[in-house]
Amino acid sequence: MKITIDMVMQFMQERIPFNRFLAMEVTALETGFCRIEIPFRDELVGDPFRPALHGGVLSTLADTTGGGAVWTEIETFDRVSTVDLRIDYLRPGPLERIACEARVVRIGNRVGVADMSCFAVSKPEQVIAVGKGVYSVKRHKPGE
């Protein structure tokens, strides 16, 4: 049985405590694509002198969004976990609502690859970070 978009959205927003802590909201999800947004909170500042969003928030958002995109390509009981994550920070993260979009580049029997792009919702043309995620895909075997 193929995993449904609603199942992915519910799991990502409600079942992962850290996603709930960051108040992640899946705003778009379809096969091979995911968009997640997070609202700004003072606790997410990484550099109060600049000021800028913490880079870990951006990398977490990118990783989660990339994994979500890969997850739309698998079956219900398959699993996805991060193998490798590369993030390039292009400019300081503004202190406002941030979005990340991910697209699956390749999905195979054991590995999925996604490209991610993070930006302020108010300025989608100004990319603040890009990433590439490589995800292990563990296929469910009946009887496991």
N, C-alpha and C. Protein backbone atom coordinates (compact mmCIF):
# COMPACT_ATOMS: atom_id res chain seq x y z
N MET A 1 0.84 -1.18 0.00
CA MET A 1 0.00 0.00 0.00
C MET A 1 0.89 1.25 0.00
N LYS A 2 0.60 2.17 -0.87
CA LYS A 2 1.35 3.42 -0.98
C LYS A 2 0.97 4.34 0.18
N ILE A 3 1.96 5.00 0.75
CA ILE A 3 1.72 5.95 1.83
C ILE A 3 0.92 7.14 1.27
N THR A 4 0.00 7.66 2.04
CA THR A 4 -0.81 8.78 1.55
C THR A 4 -0.22 10.11 2.02
N ILE A 5 -0.55 11.15 1.30
CA ILE A 5 -0.08 12.49 1.65
C ILE A 5 -0.56 12.88 3.05
N ASP A 6 -1.80 12.55 3.37
CA ASP A 6 -2.33 12.87 4.70
C ASP A 6 -1.56 12.16 5.80
N MET A 7 -1.15 10.92 5.55
CA MET A 7 -0.38 10.17 6.54
C MET A 7 0.96 10.85 6.80
N VAL A 8 1.62 11.28 5.75
CA VAL A 8 2.92 11.95 5.88
C VAL A 8 2.75 13.26 6.64
N MET A 9 1.75 14.06 6.27
CA MET A 9 1.52 15.35 6.94
C MET A 9 1.26 15.16 8.42
N GLN A 10 0.38 14.24 8.75
CA GLN A 10 0.04 14.01 10.15
C GLN A 10 1.26 13.56 10.94
N PHE A 11 2.00 12.61 10.39
CA PHE A 11 3.17 12.10 11.10
C PHE A 11 4.20 13.20 11.33
N MET A 12 4.50 13.97 10.29
CA MET A 12 5.54 14.99 10.40
C MET A 12 5.16 16.12 11.35
N GLN A 13 3.91 16.49 11.38
CA GLN A 13 3.48 17.62 12.21
C GLN A 13 3.14 17.21 13.64
N GLU A 14 2.63 16.00 13.84
CA GLU A 14 2.09 15.63 15.14
C GLU A 14 2.89 14.58 15.89
N ARG A 15 3.57 13.70 15.20
CA ARG A 15 4.18 12.55 15.87
C ARG A 15 5.67 12.73 16.19
N ILE A 16 6.32 13.74 15.62
CA ILE A 16 7.74 13.96 15.88
C ILE A 16 7.86 15.15 16.84
N PRO A 17 8.27 14.89 18.09
CA PRO A 17 8.29 15.95 19.10
C PRO A 17 9.12 17.18 18.71
N PHE A 18 10.27 16.99 18.09
CA PHE A 18 11.10 18.14 17.74
C PHE A 18 10.43 18.99 16.67
N ASN A 19 9.75 18.37 15.73
CA ASN A 19 8.99 19.13 14.73
C ASN A 19 7.90 19.96 15.40
N ARG A 20 7.24 19.37 16.39
CA ARG A 20 6.21 20.12 17.14
C ARG A 20 6.84 21.28 17.89
N PHE A 21 8.02 21.07 18.49
CA PHE A 21 8.72 22.13 19.22
C PHE A 21 9.01 23.32 18.29
N LEU A 22 9.43 23.03 17.06
CA LEU A 22 9.72 24.09 16.09
C LEU A 22 8.45 24.61 15.42
N ALA A 23 7.31 24.01 15.71
CA ALA A 23 6.01 24.38 15.13
C ALA A 23 6.02 24.26 13.61
N MET A 24 6.65 23.18 13.11
CA MET A 24 6.70 22.96 11.67
C MET A 24 5.29 22.74 11.13
N GLU A 25 5.05 23.34 9.98
CA GLU A 25 3.75 23.20 9.32
C GLU A 25 3.99 22.78 7.87
N VAL A 26 3.49 21.60 7.52
CA VAL A 26 3.58 21.15 6.14
C VAL A 26 2.54 21.92 5.34
N THR A 27 3.01 22.77 4.42
CA THR A 27 2.08 23.64 3.68
C THR A 27 1.83 23.15 2.26
N ALA A 28 2.66 22.22 1.77
CA ALA A 28 2.44 21.63 0.45
C ALA A 28 3.12 20.27 0.43
N LEU A 29 2.42 19.32 -0.12
CA LEU A 29 2.96 17.96 -0.18
C LEU A 29 2.31 17.23 -1.33
N GLU A 30 3.14 16.70 -2.19
CA GLU A 30 2.68 15.87 -3.29
C GLU A 30 3.81 14.91 -3.62
N THR A 31 3.56 13.97 -4.47
CA THR A 31 4.58 12.98 -4.79
C THR A 31 5.85 13.67 -5.28
N GLY A 32 6.95 13.43 -4.56
CA GLY A 32 8.25 13.98 -4.93
C GLY A 32 8.50 15.41 -4.50
N PHE A 33 7.58 16.02 -3.76
CA PHE A 33 7.73 17.43 -3.35
C PHE A 33 7.17 17.65 -1.95
N CYS A 34 7.87 18.49 -1.19
CA CYS A 34 7.41 18.86 0.15
C CYS A 34 7.79 20.30 0.43
N ARG A 35 6.89 21.02 1.08
CA ARG A 35 7.17 22.38 1.56
C ARG A 35 6.75 22.45 3.02
N ILE A 36 7.68 22.91 3.86
CA ILE A 36 7.42 23.07 5.28
C ILE A 36 7.79 24.49 5.68
N GLU A 37 6.99 25.07 6.58
CA GLU A 37 7.27 26.41 7.10
C GLU A 37 7.38 26.35 8.62
N ILE A 38 8.19 27.26 9.15
CA ILE A 38 8.26 27.43 10.60
C ILE A 38 8.12 28.90 10.95
N PRO A 39 7.35 29.19 11.99
CA PRO A 39 7.22 30.59 12.42
C PRO A 39 8.46 31.01 13.21
N PHE A 40 8.74 32.30 13.21
CA PHE A 40 9.87 32.80 14.00
C PHE A 40 9.49 32.89 15.46
N ARG A 41 10.45 32.54 16.32
CA ARG A 41 10.37 32.74 17.77
C ARG A 41 11.74 33.19 18.25
N ASP A 42 11.78 33.96 19.30
CA ASP A 42 13.05 34.47 19.83
C ASP A 42 14.04 33.34 20.16
N GLU A 43 13.53 32.19 20.56
CA GLU A 43 14.41 31.07 20.93
C GLU A 43 15.19 30.52 19.75
N LEU A 44 14.85 30.90 18.53
CA LEU A 44 15.50 30.36 17.34
C LEU A 44 16.64 31.24 16.84
N VAL A 45 16.95 32.33 17.55
CA VAL A 45 18.03 33.23 17.14
C VAL A 45 19.37 32.56 17.45
N GLY A 46 20.27 32.59 16.46
CA GLY A 46 21.60 32.02 16.64
C GLY A 46 22.66 33.07 16.85
N ASP A 47 22.46 34.25 16.32
CA ASP A 47 23.41 35.35 16.46
C ASP A 47 22.62 36.61 16.81
N PRO A 48 22.59 36.98 18.10
CA PRO A 48 21.79 38.14 18.50
C PRO A 48 22.41 39.47 18.07
N PHE A 49 23.69 39.48 17.70
CA PHE A 49 24.34 40.73 17.30
C PHE A 49 24.08 41.07 15.84
N ARG A 50 23.90 40.04 15.02
CA ARG A 50 23.70 40.28 13.58
C ARG A 50 22.32 40.85 13.31
N PRO A 51 21.19 40.50 13.75
CA PRO A 51 20.76 39.20 14.27
C PRO A 51 20.44 38.23 13.13
N ALA A 52 20.49 36.93 13.45
CA ALA A 52 20.22 35.92 12.44
C ALA A 52 19.65 34.66 13.09
N LEU A 53 18.87 33.94 12.30
CA LEU A 53 18.32 32.66 12.71
C LEU A 53 19.47 31.66 12.91
N HIS A 54 19.33 30.76 13.85
CA HIS A 54 20.35 29.75 14.10
C HIS A 54 20.46 28.81 12.91
N GLY A 55 21.69 28.52 12.49
CA GLY A 55 21.90 27.63 11.35
C GLY A 55 21.34 26.23 11.56
N GLY A 56 21.30 25.78 12.81
CA GLY A 56 20.74 24.46 13.11
C GLY A 56 19.25 24.37 12.82
N VAL A 57 18.57 25.49 12.98
CA VAL A 57 17.14 25.53 12.65
C VAL A 57 16.96 25.33 11.15
N LEU A 58 17.79 26.02 10.36
CA LEU A 58 17.71 25.88 8.90
C LEU A 58 18.07 24.46 8.45
N SER A 59 19.12 23.89 9.05
CA SER A 59 19.50 22.53 8.64
C SER A 59 18.45 21.51 9.04
N THR A 60 17.85 21.69 10.21
CA THR A 60 16.76 20.79 10.63
C THR A 60 15.57 20.91 9.69
N LEU A 61 15.22 22.14 9.34
CA LEU A 61 14.11 22.36 8.42
C LEU A 61 14.39 21.73 7.07
N ALA A 62 15.60 21.91 6.55
CA ALA A 62 15.97 21.33 5.25
C ALA A 62 15.95 19.80 5.31
N ASP A 63 16.52 19.23 6.36
CA ASP A 63 16.56 17.77 6.50
C ASP A 63 15.16 17.19 6.57
N THR A 64 14.31 17.80 7.37
CA THR A 64 12.94 17.31 7.53
C THR A 64 12.16 17.43 6.22
N THR A 65 12.35 18.53 5.52
CA THR A 65 11.64 18.75 4.26
C THR A 65 12.12 17.77 3.20
N GLY A 66 13.42 17.55 3.11
CA GLY A 66 13.96 16.58 2.16
C GLY A 66 13.48 15.17 2.46
N GLY A 67 13.50 14.80 3.73
CA GLY A 67 12.99 13.48 4.12
C GLY A 67 11.51 13.34 3.82
N GLY A 68 10.76 14.42 4.03
CA GLY A 68 9.32 14.40 3.71
C GLY A 68 9.07 14.17 2.24
N ALA A 69 9.86 14.81 1.39
CA ALA A 69 9.71 14.62 -0.06
C ALA A 69 10.01 13.17 -0.45
N VAL A 70 11.07 12.62 0.11
CA VAL A 70 11.41 11.22 -0.19
C VAL A 70 10.31 10.28 0.32
N TRP A 71 9.77 10.62 1.47
CA TRP A 71 8.73 9.77 2.07
C TRP A 71 7.48 9.67 1.20
N THR A 72 7.23 10.67 0.38
CA THR A 72 6.06 10.62 -0.49
C THR A 72 6.22 9.61 -1.63
N GLU A 73 7.42 9.09 -1.79
CA GLU A 73 7.72 8.16 -2.89
C GLU A 73 7.76 6.70 -2.47
N ILE A 74 7.49 6.41 -1.18
CA ILE A 74 7.67 5.05 -0.69
C ILE A 74 6.34 4.41 -0.30
N GLU A 75 6.42 3.17 0.14
CA GLU A 75 5.24 2.45 0.57
C GLU A 75 4.99 2.69 2.07
N THR A 76 3.81 2.34 2.55
CA THR A 76 3.38 2.67 3.90
C THR A 76 4.34 2.24 4.99
N PHE A 77 4.84 1.01 4.97
CA PHE A 77 5.66 0.52 6.08
C PHE A 77 7.17 0.64 5.82
N ASP A 78 7.55 1.29 4.74
CA ASP A 78 8.96 1.55 4.47
C ASP A 78 9.44 2.66 5.43
N ARG A 79 10.75 2.73 5.60
CA ARG A 79 11.32 3.74 6.49
C ARG A 79 12.35 4.59 5.77
N VAL A 80 12.47 5.83 6.22
CA VAL A 80 13.43 6.77 5.65
C VAL A 80 14.29 7.33 6.78
N SER A 81 15.60 7.36 6.59
CA SER A 81 16.48 8.00 7.57
C SER A 81 17.63 8.69 6.83
N THR A 82 18.12 9.75 7.43
CA THR A 82 19.16 10.56 6.80
C THR A 82 20.50 9.82 6.83
N VAL A 83 21.15 9.78 5.66
CA VAL A 83 22.49 9.22 5.55
C VAL A 83 23.51 10.37 5.48
N ASP A 84 23.21 11.35 4.66
CA ASP A 84 24.13 12.47 4.48
C ASP A 84 23.32 13.73 4.22
N LEU A 85 23.79 14.84 4.76
CA LEU A 85 23.11 16.11 4.60
C LEU A 85 24.16 17.19 4.38
N ARG A 86 24.01 17.92 3.31
CA ARG A 86 24.90 19.05 3.04
C ARG A 86 24.04 20.31 2.98
N ILE A 87 24.46 21.32 3.74
CA ILE A 87 23.77 22.60 3.75
C ILE A 87 24.78 23.68 3.39
N ASP A 88 24.42 24.53 2.44
CA ASP A 88 25.21 25.71 2.11
C ASP A 88 24.41 26.93 2.55
N TYR A 89 24.97 27.68 3.50
CA TYR A 89 24.32 28.89 4.00
C TYR A 89 24.73 30.06 3.10
N LEU A 90 23.78 30.64 2.41
CA LEU A 90 24.07 31.68 1.43
C LEU A 90 23.98 33.09 1.99
N ARG A 91 23.14 33.28 3.00
CA ARG A 91 22.99 34.59 3.66
C ARG A 91 22.39 34.34 5.03
N PRO A 92 22.50 35.32 5.93
CA PRO A 92 21.93 35.15 7.27
C PRO A 92 20.42 34.90 7.20
N GLY A 93 19.95 34.02 8.06
CA GLY A 93 18.53 33.74 8.12
C GLY A 93 17.79 34.88 8.80
N PRO A 94 16.82 35.48 8.12
CA PRO A 94 16.08 36.59 8.73
C PRO A 94 15.18 36.11 9.86
N LEU A 95 14.86 37.02 10.74
CA LEU A 95 14.03 36.69 11.91
C LEU A 95 12.56 36.83 11.55
N GLU A 96 12.10 35.88 10.76
CA GLU A 96 10.70 35.86 10.31
C GLU A 96 10.34 34.44 9.88
N ARG A 97 9.12 34.25 9.40
CA ARG A 97 8.65 32.93 8.97
C ARG A 97 9.52 32.43 7.82
N ILE A 98 10.00 31.18 7.97
CA ILE A 98 10.91 30.58 6.99
C ILE A 98 10.23 29.37 6.36
N ALA A 99 10.48 29.19 5.07
CA ALA A 99 9.96 28.02 4.35
C ALA A 99 11.12 27.25 3.74
N CYS A 100 10.89 25.98 3.51
CA CYS A 100 11.84 25.15 2.78
C CYS A 100 11.04 24.30 1.80
N GLU A 101 11.56 24.20 0.60
CA GLU A 101 10.97 23.33 -0.41
C GLU A 101 11.98 22.28 -0.82
N ALA A 102 11.50 21.05 -0.99
CA ALA A 102 12.38 19.94 -1.39
C ALA A 102 11.76 19.19 -2.54
N ARG A 103 12.63 18.76 -3.44
CA ARG A 103 12.21 17.95 -4.59
C ARG A 103 13.09 16.71 -4.66
N VAL A 104 12.46 15.59 -4.90
CA VAL A 104 13.21 14.34 -5.03
C VAL A 104 13.96 14.34 -6.36
N VAL A 105 15.24 14.06 -6.28
CA VAL A 105 16.09 13.97 -7.47
C VAL A 105 16.12 12.52 -7.96
N ARG A 106 16.19 11.60 -7.00
CA ARG A 106 16.21 10.18 -7.35
C ARG A 106 15.65 9.37 -6.20
N ILE A 107 14.88 8.36 -6.54
CA ILE A 107 14.41 7.41 -5.55
C ILE A 107 14.75 6.02 -6.06
N GLY A 108 15.41 5.25 -5.24
CA GLY A 108 15.78 3.90 -5.62
C GLY A 108 15.28 2.90 -4.59
N ASN A 109 15.76 1.67 -4.68
CA ASN A 109 15.34 0.64 -3.74
C ASN A 109 15.93 0.85 -2.35
N ARG A 110 17.09 1.52 -2.27
CA ARG A 110 17.74 1.69 -0.98
C ARG A 110 18.07 3.14 -0.62
N VAL A 111 18.08 4.02 -1.61
CA VAL A 111 18.50 5.40 -1.37
C VAL A 111 17.58 6.37 -2.10
N GLY A 112 17.27 7.48 -1.42
CA GLY A 112 16.56 8.59 -2.04
C GLY A 112 17.40 9.85 -1.90
N VAL A 113 17.33 10.71 -2.89
CA VAL A 113 18.10 11.96 -2.88
C VAL A 113 17.15 13.12 -3.14
N ALA A 114 17.31 14.19 -2.36
CA ALA A 114 16.46 15.38 -2.51
C ALA A 114 17.30 16.64 -2.48
N ASP A 115 16.86 17.64 -3.24
CA ASP A 115 17.44 18.98 -3.20
C ASP A 115 16.49 19.88 -2.43
N MET A 116 17.06 20.73 -1.56
CA MET A 116 16.26 21.60 -0.71
C MET A 116 16.67 23.06 -0.88
N SER A 117 15.72 23.96 -0.67
CA SER A 117 15.97 25.39 -0.75
C SER A 117 15.16 26.08 0.35
N CYS A 118 15.84 26.89 1.19
CA CYS A 118 15.19 27.61 2.29
C CYS A 118 15.16 29.10 2.01
N PHE A 119 14.09 29.75 2.41
CA PHE A 119 13.92 31.18 2.14
C PHE A 119 12.87 31.75 3.09
N ALA A 120 12.90 33.07 3.24
CA ALA A 120 11.87 33.74 4.02
C ALA A 120 10.58 33.73 3.21
N VAL A 121 9.47 33.46 3.85
CA VAL A 121 8.18 33.43 3.14
C VAL A 121 7.90 34.77 2.46
N SER A 122 8.34 35.85 3.07
CA SER A 122 8.09 37.18 2.50
C SER A 122 8.99 37.50 1.30
N LYS A 123 10.08 36.73 1.13
CA LYS A 123 11.02 36.98 0.04
C LYS A 123 11.47 35.66 -0.58
N PRO A 124 10.60 34.96 -1.26
CA PRO A 124 10.95 33.64 -1.79
C PRO A 124 12.07 33.67 -2.83
N GLU A 125 12.30 34.83 -3.43
CA GLU A 125 13.35 34.93 -4.44
C GLU A 125 14.74 35.01 -3.81
N GLN A 126 14.84 35.28 -2.51
CA GLN A 126 16.12 35.37 -1.81
C GLN A 126 16.38 34.09 -1.03
N VAL A 127 17.06 33.17 -1.66
CA VAL A 127 17.37 31.89 -1.01
C VAL A 127 18.42 32.12 0.07
N ILE A 128 18.16 31.60 1.28
CA ILE A 128 19.11 31.78 2.37
C ILE A 128 19.97 30.55 2.62
N ALA A 129 19.49 29.38 2.19
CA ALA A 129 20.28 28.16 2.32
C ALA A 129 19.78 27.13 1.30
N VAL A 130 20.71 26.34 0.80
CA VAL A 130 20.36 25.23 -0.09
C VAL A 130 20.98 23.96 0.49
N GLY A 131 20.39 22.85 0.14
CA GLY A 131 20.92 21.59 0.67
C GLY A 131 20.66 20.44 -0.26
N LYS A 132 21.38 19.38 0.01
CA LYS A 132 21.17 18.10 -0.66
C LYS A 132 21.14 17.05 0.44
N GLY A 133 20.10 16.24 0.43
CA GLY A 133 19.97 15.18 1.41
C GLY A 133 19.98 13.82 0.74
N VAL A 134 20.71 12.91 1.35
CA VAL A 134 20.73 11.52 0.90
C VAL A 134 20.08 10.71 2.03
N TYR A 135 19.08 9.94 1.68
CA TYR A 135 18.27 9.23 2.67
C TYR A 135 18.26 7.74 2.40
N SER A 136 18.46 6.97 3.45
CA SER A 136 18.35 5.53 3.36
C SER A 136 16.86 5.18 3.29
N VAL A 137 16.52 4.30 2.37
CA VAL A 137 15.15 3.81 2.26
C VAL A 137 15.18 2.34 2.62
N LYS A 138 14.57 2.00 3.74
CA LYS A 138 14.50 0.60 4.16
C LYS A 138 13.12 0.08 3.79
N ARG A 139 13.11 -0.81 2.82
CA ARG A 139 11.85 -1.37 2.33
C ARG A 139 11.31 -2.40 3.32
N HIS A 140 10.03 -2.32 3.57
CA HIS A 140 9.36 -3.27 4.46
C HIS A 140 9.29 -4.64 3.80
N LYS A 141 9.65 -5.66 4.59
CA LYS A 141 9.52 -7.03 4.12
C LYS A 141 8.39 -7.68 4.90
N PRO A 142 7.43 -8.25 4.20
CA PRO A 142 6.30 -8.89 4.91
C PRO A 142 6.82 -9.88 5.95
N GLY A 143 6.20 -9.84 7.12
CA GLY A 143 6.59 -10.73 8.20
C GLY A 143 7.59 -10.11 9.17
N GLU A 144 8.08 -8.93 8.84
CA GLU A 144 9.02 -8.25 9.76
C GLU A 144 8.29 -7.53 10.84
